[in-house]
Amino acid sequence: MNDIDLIIFDCDGVLIDSEPIACRTLAEAVTRGGVPISPEEVLVQFTGKSEVELKQMLTVRGLADAEGVFAHWHGELYETFRRELAVMDGMLGLVRSFEVMRCVASNSTLTRLESSLGLTPLWADFAPHVYSAEMVASPKPAPDLIEHCLGKTGIAARHALMIDDSPAGVRAALAAGVRAIGFVAANETRSGRPEALMDAGALSVAVGADELADQLSRHVRMAVPQL
């Protein structure tokens, strides 16, 4: 049944293929700061968390100057984004194939969103409805950011759908009364991601943009026919 009037998208790992870049550069920065860590550890332990949470977790692990390390990392990260960042395969066409409202709900800072999503054609498809956890009291998995999206767009929770690649995002949506579809990138290297998203309460899990488009078509009015 096509009862959805708003699709809320997570950004990193859903709209843009930013997580491998972020994990690699953060691992390098933290290791230089005195806490050896691999990109794989960053991916498994820290992906999807807000920067406030990351700094707290790394400080507990012994990072002495989290603020300084992150400030330096930001410069490296944004420069690498300018060289390497790409839209997730198939996502540009998917976003433009549905006629309902859409917005972004990300635990990233607004500066990072502007320095990542803002480099891509997708920014114009979402702005001004690009919302950061900085705008609310608590990041996902709290419902605050999803409720912020609903308030800004004027759409009732029962007519919204969240797309997120993290259990925290799925739980945030459910806590706000919004249904969620879990997303797993086609190049995902972590095991057990579909199961983790389903355990968090996702309606279903899509691997890659083609599967996501198929699942969305069951809930959302299409602007153009699928080929």
C-alpha atoms as a PDB file:
ATOM      1  CA  MET A   1       0.000   0.000   0.000  1.00  0.00           C
ATOM      2  CA  ASN A   2       1.414   3.374  -0.992  1.00  0.00           C
ATOM      3  CA  ASP A   3       0.898   5.138   2.344  1.00  0.00           C
ATOM      4  CA  ILE A   4       4.289   6.852   2.694  1.00  0.00           C
ATOM      5  CA  ASP A   5       4.620  10.628   2.207  1.00  0.00           C
ATOM      6  CA  LEU A   6       8.164  11.046   3.552  1.00  0.00           C
ATOM      7  CA  ILE A   7      11.333   8.974   3.166  1.00  0.00           C
ATOM      8  CA  ILE A   8      13.984   9.731   5.786  1.00  0.00           C
ATOM      9  CA  PHE A   9      17.460   8.700   4.641  1.00  0.00           C
ATOM     10  CA  ASP A  10      20.534   8.161   6.728  1.00  0.00           C
ATOM     11  CA  CYS A  11      23.551   9.602   4.896  1.00  0.00           C
ATOM     12  CA  ASP A  12      26.856   7.762   5.432  1.00  0.00           C
ATOM     13  CA  GLY A  13      26.727   4.247   4.054  1.00  0.00           C
ATOM     14  CA  VAL A  14      23.304   4.797   2.494  1.00  0.00           C
ATOM     15  CA  LEU A  15      23.429   7.825   0.213  1.00  0.00           C
ATOM     16  CA  ILE A  16      27.196   8.158  -0.049  1.00  0.00           C
ATOM     17  CA  ASP A  17      30.033   5.644   0.083  1.00  0.00           C
ATOM     18  CA  SER A  18      31.842   7.563   2.798  1.00  0.00           C
ATOM     19  CA  GLU A  19      32.404   4.978   5.505  1.00  0.00           C
ATOM     20  CA  PRO A  20      35.541   3.311   4.048  1.00  0.00           C
ATOM     21  CA  ILE A  21      37.153   6.751   3.719  1.00  0.00           C
ATOM     22  CA  ALA A  22      36.113   7.851   7.195  1.00  0.00           C
ATOM     23  CA  CYS A  23      37.258   4.616   8.840  1.00  0.00           C
ATOM     24  CA  ARG A  24      40.643   4.652   7.115  1.00  0.00           C
ATOM     25  CA  THR A  25      41.427   8.280   7.890  1.00  0.00           C
ATOM     26  CA  LEU A  26      40.144   8.104  11.475  1.00  0.00           C
ATOM     27  CA  ALA A  27      42.211   4.989  12.167  1.00  0.00           C
ATOM     28  CA  GLU A  28      45.289   6.790  10.864  1.00  0.00           C
ATOM     29  CA  ALA A  29      44.587   9.891  12.970  1.00  0.00           C
ATOM     30  CA  VAL A  30      43.875   7.986  16.183  1.00  0.00           C
ATOM     31  CA  THR A  31      46.917   5.761  15.719  1.00  0.00           C
ATOM     32  CA  ARG A  32      49.088   8.865  15.328  1.00  0.00           C
ATOM     33  CA  GLY A  33      47.455  10.164  18.503  1.00  0.00           C
ATOM     34  CA  GLY A  34      48.817   7.201  20.440  1.00  0.00           C
ATOM     35  CA  VAL A  35      46.011   4.630  20.303  1.00  0.00           C
ATOM     36  CA  PRO A  36      46.726   2.035  17.605  1.00  0.00           C
ATOM     37  CA  ILE A  37      43.534   1.010  15.832  1.00  0.00           C
ATOM     38  CA  SER A  38      42.729  -0.469  12.432  1.00  0.00           C
ATOM     39  CA  PRO A  39      40.166   0.731   9.890  1.00  0.00           C
ATOM     40  CA  GLU A  40      38.322  -2.554  10.419  1.00  0.00           C
ATOM     41  CA  GLU A  41      38.037  -1.883  14.165  1.00  0.00           C
ATOM     42  CA  VAL A  42      36.720   1.607  13.490  1.00  0.00           C
ATOM     43  CA  LEU A  43      34.158   0.217  11.054  1.00  0.00           C
ATOM     44  CA  VAL A  44      32.876  -2.410  13.484  1.00  0.00           C
ATOM     45  CA  GLN A  45      32.991  -0.419  16.725  1.00  0.00           C
ATOM     46  CA  PHE A  46      32.336   3.197  15.798  1.00  0.00           C
ATOM     47  CA  THR A  47      30.352   3.461  12.562  1.00  0.00           C
ATOM     48  CA  GLY A  48      27.027   5.247  12.965  1.00  0.00           C
ATOM     49  CA  LYS A  49      27.911   6.953  16.247  1.00  0.00           C
ATOM     50  CA  SER A  50      28.009  10.700  16.752  1.00  0.00           C
ATOM     51  CA  GLU A  51      31.347  12.476  17.119  1.00  0.00           C
ATOM     52  CA  VAL A  52      30.601  13.195  20.770  1.00  0.00           C
ATOM     53  CA  GLU A  53      30.237   9.453  21.348  1.00  0.00           C
ATOM     54  CA  LEU A  54      33.388   8.692  19.345  1.00  0.00           C
ATOM     55  CA  LYS A  55      35.488  11.110  21.376  1.00  0.00           C
ATOM     56  CA  GLN A  56      34.191   9.682  24.638  1.00  0.00           C
ATOM     57  CA  MET A  57      34.861   6.094  23.576  1.00  0.00           C
ATOM     58  CA  LEU A  58      38.360   6.847  22.324  1.00  0.00           C
ATOM     59  CA  THR A  59      39.219   8.866  25.419  1.00  0.00           C
ATOM     60  CA  VAL A  60      38.314   5.827  27.520  1.00  0.00           C
ATOM     61  CA  ARG A  61      40.680   3.790  25.323  1.00  0.00           C
ATOM     62  CA  GLY A  62      43.500   6.220  26.132  1.00  0.00           C
ATOM     63  CA  LEU A  63      43.366   8.954  23.483  1.00  0.00           C
ATOM     64  CA  ALA A  64      44.906  11.918  25.289  1.00  0.00           C
ATOM     65  CA  ASP A  65      43.868  14.818  23.046  1.00  0.00           C
ATOM     66  CA  ALA A  66      40.625  13.817  21.374  1.00  0.00           C
ATOM     67  CA  GLU A  67      39.735  17.377  20.389  1.00  0.00           C
ATOM     68  CA  GLY A  68      43.092  17.944  18.720  1.00  0.00           C
ATOM     69  CA  VAL A  69      43.099  14.569  16.995  1.00  0.00           C
ATOM     70  CA  PHE A  70      39.598  15.098  15.625  1.00  0.00           C
ATOM     71  CA  ALA A  71      40.356  18.622  14.452  1.00  0.00           C
ATOM     72  CA  HIS A  72      43.298  17.313  12.432  1.00  0.00           C
ATOM     73  CA  TRP A  73      41.259  14.343  11.212  1.00  0.00           C
ATOM     74  CA  HIS A  74      38.519  16.622   9.900  1.00  0.00           C
ATOM     75  CA  GLY A  75      40.962  18.401   7.630  1.00  0.00           C
ATOM     76  CA  GLU A  76      42.282  15.121   6.235  1.00  0.00           C
ATOM     77  CA  LEU A  77      38.811  13.622   5.941  1.00  0.00           C
ATOM     78  CA  TYR A  78      37.283  16.493   4.002  1.00  0.00           C
ATOM     79  CA  GLU A  79      40.258  16.703   1.669  1.00  0.00           C
ATOM     80  CA  THR A  80      39.990  12.968   0.989  1.00  0.00           C
ATOM     81  CA  PHE A  81      36.253  13.324   0.398  1.00  0.00           C
ATOM     82  CA  ARG A  82      37.010  15.929  -2.273  1.00  0.00           C
ATOM     83  CA  ARG A  83      39.291  13.447  -4.040  1.00  0.00           C
ATOM     84  CA  GLU A  84      37.515  10.128  -3.533  1.00  0.00           C
ATOM     85  CA  LEU A  85      33.910  10.404  -2.372  1.00  0.00           C
ATOM     86  CA  ALA A  86      31.187   8.883  -4.549  1.00  0.00           C
ATOM     87  CA  VAL A  87      27.429   8.528  -4.340  1.00  0.00           C
ATOM     88  CA  MET A  88      26.426   5.014  -3.342  1.00  0.00           C
ATOM     89  CA  ASP A  89      25.957   2.944  -6.489  1.00  0.00           C
ATOM     90  CA  GLY A  90      22.412   3.345  -7.842  1.00  0.00           C
ATOM     91  CA  MET A  91      21.281   5.777  -5.152  1.00  0.00           C
ATOM     92  CA  LEU A  92      20.979   8.909  -7.288  1.00  0.00           C
ATOM     93  CA  GLY A  93      18.459   7.262  -9.592  1.00  0.00           C
ATOM     94  CA  LEU A  94      16.603   5.738  -6.645  1.00  0.00           C
ATOM     95  CA  VAL A  95      16.211   9.053  -4.826  1.00  0.00           C
ATOM     96  CA  ARG A  96      14.808  10.657  -7.965  1.00  0.00           C
ATOM     97  CA  SER A  97      12.415   7.806  -8.761  1.00  0.00           C
ATOM     98  CA  PHE A  98       9.869   8.564  -6.023  1.00  0.00           C
ATOM     99  CA  GLU A  99       7.573  11.571  -5.871  1.00  0.00           C
ATOM    100  CA  VAL A 100       7.204  11.864  -2.072  1.00  0.00           C
ATOM    101  CA  MET A 101       9.097  14.233   0.237  1.00  0.00           C
ATOM    102  CA  ARG A 102      12.558  13.189   1.358  1.00  0.00           C
ATOM    103  CA  CYS A 103      15.030  14.332   3.985  1.00  0.00           C
ATOM    104  CA  VAL A 104      18.343  13.328   5.566  1.00  0.00           C
ATOM    105  CA  ALA A 105      18.715  12.389   9.241  1.00  0.00           C
ATOM    106  CA  SER A 106      22.378  11.866  10.113  1.00  0.00           C
ATOM    107  CA  ASN A 107      24.423  11.558  13.278  1.00  0.00           C
ATOM    108  CA  SER A 108      27.186  13.422  11.415  1.00  0.00           C
ATOM    109  CA  THR A 109      27.800  17.099  12.085  1.00  0.00           C
ATOM    110  CA  LEU A 110      26.315  19.626   9.691  1.00  0.00           C
ATOM    111  CA  THR A 111      29.835  20.652   8.640  1.00  0.00           C
ATOM    112  CA  ARG A 112      30.614  17.064   7.711  1.00  0.00           C
ATOM    113  CA  LEU A 113      27.336  16.737   5.814  1.00  0.00           C
ATOM    114  CA  GLU A 114      28.128  19.870   3.833  1.00  0.00           C
ATOM    115  CA  SER A 115      31.669  18.563   3.212  1.00  0.00           C
ATOM    116  CA  SER A 116      30.497  15.141   2.038  1.00  0.00           C
ATOM    117  CA  LEU A 117      26.917  14.982   0.769  1.00  0.00           C
ATOM    118  CA  GLY A 118      27.352  18.616  -0.233  1.00  0.00           C
ATOM    119  CA  LEU A 119      29.987  17.571  -2.787  1.00  0.00           C
ATOM    120  CA  THR A 120      27.485  15.402  -4.651  1.00  0.00           C
ATOM    121  CA  PRO A 121      24.443  16.034  -6.867  1.00  0.00           C
ATOM    122  CA  LEU A 122      22.278  14.558  -4.109  1.00  0.00           C
ATOM    123  CA  TRP A 123      22.577  17.702  -1.991  1.00  0.00           C
ATOM    124  CA  ALA A 124      20.198  19.552  -4.307  1.00  0.00           C
ATOM    125  CA  ASP A 125      17.695  16.694  -4.035  1.00  0.00           C
ATOM    126  CA  PHE A 126      17.475  17.078  -0.253  1.00  0.00           C
ATOM    127  CA  ALA A 127      18.329  20.651   0.756  1.00  0.00           C
ATOM    128  CA  PRO A 128      17.090  22.341   2.871  1.00  0.00           C
ATOM    129  CA  HIS A 129      15.858  19.144   4.513  1.00  0.00           C
ATOM    130  CA  VAL A 130      19.289  17.926   5.671  1.00  0.00           C
ATOM    131  CA  TYR A 131      19.245  17.384   9.418  1.00  0.00           C
ATOM    132  CA  SER A 132      22.145  16.666  11.768  1.00  0.00           C
ATOM    133  CA  ALA A 133      22.199  15.255  15.286  1.00  0.00           C
ATOM    134  CA  GLU A 134      23.744  18.600  16.262  1.00  0.00           C
ATOM    135  CA  MET A 135      20.250  20.055  15.893  1.00  0.00           C
ATOM    136  CA  VAL A 136      18.710  17.944  18.676  1.00  0.00           C
ATOM    137  CA  ALA A 137      19.422  16.942  22.258  1.00  0.00           C
ATOM    138  CA  SER A 138      20.407  13.324  21.588  1.00  0.00           C
ATOM    139  CA  PRO A 139      21.623  11.457  18.477  1.00  0.00           C
ATOM    140  CA  LYS A 140      20.241   8.200  17.125  1.00  0.00           C
ATOM    141  CA  PRO A 141      19.259   5.747  18.650  1.00  0.00           C
ATOM    142  CA  ALA A 142      17.242   8.362  20.546  1.00  0.00           C
ATOM    143  CA  PRO A 143      14.132   9.413  18.579  1.00  0.00           C
ATOM    144  CA  ASP A 144      14.967  13.129  18.717  1.00  0.00           C
ATOM    145  CA  LEU A 145      16.388  13.491  15.208  1.00  0.00           C
ATOM    146  CA  ILE A 146      13.580  11.536  13.558  1.00  0.00           C
ATOM    147  CA  GLU A 147      11.003  13.576  15.448  1.00  0.00           C
ATOM    148  CA  HIS A 148      12.832  16.713  14.284  1.00  0.00           C
ATOM    149  CA  CYS A 149      12.451  15.553  10.662  1.00  0.00           C
ATOM    150  CA  LEU A 150       8.745  14.941  11.157  1.00  0.00           C
ATOM    151  CA  GLY A 151       8.262  18.367  12.704  1.00  0.00           C
ATOM    152  CA  LYS A 152      10.176  20.159   9.953  1.00  0.00           C
ATOM    153  CA  THR A 153       8.338  18.392   7.132  1.00  0.00           C
ATOM    154  CA  GLY A 154       4.916  18.294   8.756  1.00  0.00           C
ATOM    155  CA  ILE A 155       4.477  14.585   8.028  1.00  0.00           C
ATOM    156  CA  ALA A 156       2.901  12.248  10.584  1.00  0.00           C
ATOM    157  CA  ALA A 157       5.060   9.373  11.801  1.00  0.00           C
ATOM    158  CA  ARG A 158       2.676   6.766  10.371  1.00  0.00           C
ATOM    159  CA  HIS A 159       3.269   8.198   6.882  1.00  0.00           C
ATOM    160  CA  ALA A 160       7.086   8.231   7.103  1.00  0.00           C
ATOM    161  CA  LEU A 161       9.691   5.565   6.395  1.00  0.00           C
ATOM    162  CA  MET A 162      13.335   5.491   7.515  1.00  0.00           C
ATOM    163  CA  ILE A 163      16.213   4.018   5.502  1.00  0.00           C
ATOM    164  CA  ASP A 164      19.267   3.334   7.672  1.00  0.00           C
ATOM    165  CA  ASP A 165      22.267   1.017   7.653  1.00  0.00           C
ATOM    166  CA  SER A 166      22.698   0.898  11.429  1.00  0.00           C
ATOM    167  CA  PRO A 167      20.647  -0.727  14.183  1.00  0.00           C
ATOM    168  CA  ALA A 168      20.792   2.602  16.026  1.00  0.00           C
ATOM    169  CA  GLY A 169      18.997   4.318  13.151  1.00  0.00           C
ATOM    170  CA  VAL A 170      16.340   1.618  12.991  1.00  0.00           C
ATOM    171  CA  ARG A 171      15.750   1.881  16.733  1.00  0.00           C
ATOM    172  CA  ALA A 172      15.545   5.674  16.520  1.00  0.00           C
ATOM    173  CA  ALA A 173      12.874   5.429  13.843  1.00  0.00           C
ATOM    174  CA  LEU A 174      10.814   2.908  15.788  1.00  0.00           C
ATOM    175  CA  ALA A 175      11.066   5.018  18.948  1.00  0.00           C
ATOM    176  CA  ALA A 176       9.597   7.917  16.960  1.00  0.00           C
ATOM    177  CA  GLY A 177       6.779   5.748  15.589  1.00  0.00           C
ATOM    178  CA  VAL A 178       8.326   5.467  12.119  1.00  0.00           C
ATOM    179  CA  ARG A 179       8.763   2.225  10.202  1.00  0.00           C
ATOM    180  CA  ALA A 180      12.254   1.406   8.952  1.00  0.00           C
ATOM    181  CA  ILE A 181      13.933  -0.539   6.183  1.00  0.00           C
ATOM    182  CA  GLY A 182      17.493  -1.633   6.871  1.00  0.00           C
ATOM    183  CA  PHE A 183      20.085  -1.027   4.171  1.00  0.00           C
ATOM    184  CA  VAL A 184      23.272  -2.968   3.542  1.00  0.00           C
ATOM    185  CA  ALA A 185      25.691  -1.633   0.942  1.00  0.00           C
ATOM    186  CA  ALA A 186      26.669  -4.021  -1.812  1.00  0.00           C
ATOM    187  CA  ASN A 187      30.330  -3.565  -0.778  1.00  0.00           C
ATOM    188  CA  GLU A 188      29.692  -4.195   2.938  1.00  0.00           C
ATOM    189  CA  THR A 189      32.467  -6.233   4.587  1.00  0.00           C
ATOM    190  CA  ARG A 190      30.979  -6.738   8.059  1.00  0.00           C
ATOM    191  CA  SER A 191      29.198 -10.003   8.707  1.00  0.00           C
ATOM    192  CA  GLY A 192      25.742 -10.257  10.222  1.00  0.00           C
ATOM    193  CA  ARG A 193      24.481  -6.853   9.142  1.00  0.00           C
ATOM    194  CA  PRO A 194      21.078  -7.980   7.819  1.00  0.00           C
ATOM    195  CA  GLU A 195      20.456  -9.957  10.991  1.00  0.00           C
ATOM    196  CA  ALA A 196      21.455  -7.011  13.199  1.00  0.00           C
ATOM    197  CA  LEU A 197      19.081  -4.685  11.345  1.00  0.00           C
ATOM    198  CA  MET A 198      16.208  -7.156  11.534  1.00  0.00           C
ATOM    199  CA  ASP A 199      16.881  -7.706  15.236  1.00  0.00           C
ATOM    200  CA  ALA A 200      16.646  -3.924  15.727  1.00  0.00           C
ATOM    201  CA  GLY A 201      13.135  -4.005  14.260  1.00  0.00           C
ATOM    202  CA  ALA A 202      13.488  -3.277  10.555  1.00  0.00           C
ATOM    203  CA  LEU A 203      10.528  -4.208   8.352  1.00  0.00           C
ATOM    204  CA  SER A 204      12.984  -5.724   5.895  1.00  0.00           C
ATOM    205  CA  VAL A 205      16.576  -5.386   4.761  1.00  0.00           C
ATOM    206  CA  ALA A 206      17.733  -4.389   1.285  1.00  0.00           C
ATOM    207  CA  VAL A 207      21.206  -5.185  -0.029  1.00  0.00           C
ATOM    208  CA  GLY A 208      22.134  -2.507  -2.554  1.00  0.00           C
ATOM    209  CA  ALA A 209      20.056   0.157  -4.278  1.00  0.00           C
ATOM    210  CA  ASP A 210      18.194  -2.225  -6.610  1.00  0.00           C
ATOM    211  CA  GLU A 211      16.754  -4.239  -3.727  1.00  0.00           C
ATOM    212  CA  LEU A 212      15.940  -1.022  -1.874  1.00  0.00           C
ATOM    213  CA  ALA A 213      14.076   0.386  -4.877  1.00  0.00           C
ATOM    214  CA  ASP A 214      12.046  -2.802  -5.113  1.00  0.00           C
ATOM    215  CA  GLN A 215      11.120  -2.703  -1.440  1.00  0.00           C
ATOM    216  CA  LEU A 216      10.307   1.011  -1.483  1.00  0.00           C
ATOM    217  CA  SER A 217       7.994   0.553  -4.458  1.00  0.00           C
ATOM    218  CA  ARG A 218       5.646  -1.411  -2.177  1.00  0.00           C
ATOM    219  CA  HIS A 219       5.162   1.606   0.085  1.00  0.00           C
ATOM    220  CA  VAL A 220       5.921   4.762  -1.912  1.00  0.00           C
ATOM    221  CA  ARG A 221       4.427   6.440  -4.967  1.00  0.00           C
ATOM    222  CA  MET A 222       6.847   6.361  -7.875  1.00  0.00           C
ATOM    223  CA  ALA A 223       7.568   9.427  -9.977  1.00  0.00           C
ATOM    224  CA  VAL A 224       8.875   7.414 -12.919  1.00  0.00           C
ATOM    225  CA  PRO A 225       8.252   3.787 -13.842  1.00  0.00           C
ATOM    226  CA  GLN A 226      10.906   1.225 -13.023  1.00  0.00           C
ATOM    227  CA  LEU A 227      12.573  -0.341 -16.049  1.00  0.00           C
END
